[in-house]
Amino acid sequence: TIPVVKLSNARSEWGSCNQRGVIRLNWRLVHLPPHLAHYVVAHEVAHLVELNHSPRFWNQVEALFPGHAAARRALDDWTALLEA
């Protein structure tokens, strides 16, 4: 099935995925370098398979976005945009 994707105005997160498979992506992703926005999308899509942050989840993220750890660290430099 195709997941429902909605835009968010959250002040604390770039994206989320709930138990019903609804993915919310922060509209501020448009301000990020494209590879960081792609990482956020891969992170949330991985939650469709593993709704947690277990090793299996991170393996899923790595399969979707190889080298995700560097993007995850780089994203921290952009979190001030969430409060804008």
C-alpha atoms as a PDB file:
ATOM      1  CA  THR A   1       0.000   0.000   0.000  1.00  0.00           C
ATOM      2  CA  ILE A   2       1.056   3.570  -0.582  1.00  0.00           C
ATOM      3  CA  PRO A   3       1.545   5.470   2.674  1.00  0.00           C
ATOM      4  CA  VAL A   4      -0.288   8.694   3.395  1.00  0.00           C
ATOM      5  CA  VAL A   5       2.155  11.612   3.441  1.00  0.00           C
ATOM      6  CA  LYS A   6       1.255  14.923   5.049  1.00  0.00           C
ATOM      7  CA  LEU A   7       3.098  18.164   5.632  1.00  0.00           C
ATOM      8  CA  SER A   8       3.877  19.273   9.148  1.00  0.00           C
ATOM      9  CA  ASN A   9       4.698  22.555  10.869  1.00  0.00           C
ATOM     10  CA  ALA A  10       6.309  20.822  13.862  1.00  0.00           C
ATOM     11  CA  ARG A  11       8.849  22.795  15.864  1.00  0.00           C
ATOM     12  CA  SER A  12      10.687  19.755  17.202  1.00  0.00           C
ATOM     13  CA  GLU A  13      11.052  17.206  14.408  1.00  0.00           C
ATOM     14  CA  TRP A  14      11.776  16.924  10.706  1.00  0.00           C
ATOM     15  CA  GLY A  15       9.442  14.006  10.207  1.00  0.00           C
ATOM     16  CA  SER A  16       7.384  11.334  11.889  1.00  0.00           C
ATOM     17  CA  CYS A  17       5.591   8.093  11.137  1.00  0.00           C
ATOM     18  CA  ASN A  18       2.733   6.709  13.196  1.00  0.00           C
ATOM     19  CA  GLN A  19       1.352   3.197  13.705  1.00  0.00           C
ATOM     20  CA  ARG A  20      -1.184   3.699  10.920  1.00  0.00           C
ATOM     21  CA  GLY A  21       1.660   4.325   8.467  1.00  0.00           C
ATOM     22  CA  VAL A  22       1.010   8.049   8.098  1.00  0.00           C
ATOM     23  CA  ILE A  23       4.235   9.919   7.392  1.00  0.00           C
ATOM     24  CA  ARG A  24       4.447  13.595   8.289  1.00  0.00           C
ATOM     25  CA  LEU A  25       7.257  15.646   6.776  1.00  0.00           C
ATOM     26  CA  ASN A  26       8.135  19.100   8.002  1.00  0.00           C
ATOM     27  CA  TRP A  27       7.654  21.698   5.262  1.00  0.00           C
ATOM     28  CA  ARG A  28      11.012  23.212   6.276  1.00  0.00           C
ATOM     29  CA  LEU A  29      12.749  20.279   4.584  1.00  0.00           C
ATOM     30  CA  VAL A  30      12.769  22.444   1.437  1.00  0.00           C
ATOM     31  CA  HIS A  31      15.466  24.565   3.112  1.00  0.00           C
ATOM     32  CA  LEU A  32      17.831  21.638   3.647  1.00  0.00           C
ATOM     33  CA  PRO A  33      20.484  20.417   1.253  1.00  0.00           C
ATOM     34  CA  PRO A  34      18.716  17.749  -0.830  1.00  0.00           C
ATOM     35  CA  HIS A  35      20.738  14.828   0.570  1.00  0.00           C
ATOM     36  CA  LEU A  36      19.639  15.708   4.122  1.00  0.00           C
ATOM     37  CA  ALA A  37      15.986  15.911   3.088  1.00  0.00           C
ATOM     38  CA  HIS A  38      16.397  12.526   1.387  1.00  0.00           C
ATOM     39  CA  TYR A  39      17.820  11.114   4.616  1.00  0.00           C
ATOM     40  CA  VAL A  40      14.774  12.343   6.575  1.00  0.00           C
ATOM     41  CA  VAL A  41      12.436  10.718   4.052  1.00  0.00           C
ATOM     42  CA  ALA A  42      14.415   7.453   4.180  1.00  0.00           C
ATOM     43  CA  HIS A  43      14.281   7.545   7.991  1.00  0.00           C
ATOM     44  CA  GLU A  44      10.502   7.878   8.005  1.00  0.00           C
ATOM     45  CA  VAL A  45      10.000   5.269   5.276  1.00  0.00           C
ATOM     46  CA  ALA A  46      12.108   2.839   7.338  1.00  0.00           C
ATOM     47  CA  HIS A  47       9.597   3.346  10.162  1.00  0.00           C
ATOM     48  CA  LEU A  48       6.969   1.746   7.928  1.00  0.00           C
ATOM     49  CA  VAL A  49       8.897  -1.500   8.462  1.00  0.00           C
ATOM     50  CA  GLU A  50      10.284  -0.933  11.986  1.00  0.00           C
ATOM     51  CA  LEU A  51       8.377   1.522  14.172  1.00  0.00           C
ATOM     52  CA  ASN A  52      11.288   1.962  16.578  1.00  0.00           C
ATOM     53  CA  HIS A  53      14.996   2.816  16.563  1.00  0.00           C
ATOM     54  CA  SER A  54      16.317  -0.726  16.974  1.00  0.00           C
ATOM     55  CA  PRO A  55      19.355  -2.103  15.126  1.00  0.00           C
ATOM     56  CA  ARG A  56      16.932  -3.600  12.595  1.00  0.00           C
ATOM     57  CA  PHE A  57      15.502  -0.115  11.983  1.00  0.00           C
ATOM     58  CA  TRP A  58      18.966   1.373  11.393  1.00  0.00           C
ATOM     59  CA  ASN A  59      19.787  -1.494   9.018  1.00  0.00           C
ATOM     60  CA  GLN A  60      16.652  -0.569   7.084  1.00  0.00           C
ATOM     61  CA  VAL A  61      17.707   3.091   6.979  1.00  0.00           C
ATOM     62  CA  GLU A  62      21.166   2.068   5.749  1.00  0.00           C
ATOM     63  CA  ALA A  63      19.589  -0.032   2.987  1.00  0.00           C
ATOM     64  CA  LEU A  64      17.525   2.974   1.871  1.00  0.00           C
ATOM     65  CA  PHE A  65      20.211   5.618   2.407  1.00  0.00           C
ATOM     66  CA  PRO A  66      23.756   4.243   2.477  1.00  0.00           C
ATOM     67  CA  GLY A  67      26.003   6.308   4.701  1.00  0.00           C
ATOM     68  CA  HIS A  68      23.064   7.609   6.716  1.00  0.00           C
ATOM     69  CA  ALA A  69      25.146   8.224   9.850  1.00  0.00           C
ATOM     70  CA  ALA A  70      26.942  11.218   8.304  1.00  0.00           C
ATOM     71  CA  ALA A  71      23.640  12.745   7.177  1.00  0.00           C
ATOM     72  CA  ARG A  72      22.154  12.154  10.612  1.00  0.00           C
ATOM     73  CA  ARG A  73      25.041  14.055  12.231  1.00  0.00           C
ATOM     74  CA  ALA A  74      24.887  16.857   9.648  1.00  0.00           C
ATOM     75  CA  LEU A  75      21.163  17.305  10.236  1.00  0.00           C
ATOM     76  CA  ASP A  76      21.914  18.504  13.768  1.00  0.00           C
ATOM     77  CA  ASP A  77      23.452  21.653  12.289  1.00  0.00           C
ATOM     78  CA  TRP A  78      20.114  22.519  10.709  1.00  0.00           C
ATOM     79  CA  THR A  79      17.756  22.003  13.654  1.00  0.00           C
ATOM     80  CA  ALA A  80      17.560  25.753  14.334  1.00  0.00           C
ATOM     81  CA  LEU A  81      15.393  25.975  11.195  1.00  0.00           C
ATOM     82  CA  LEU A  82      12.666  24.088  13.045  1.00  0.00           C
ATOM     83  CA  GLU A  83      12.170  27.060  15.338  1.00  0.00           C
ATOM     84  CA  ALA A  84      12.045  29.589  12.495  1.00  0.00           C
END
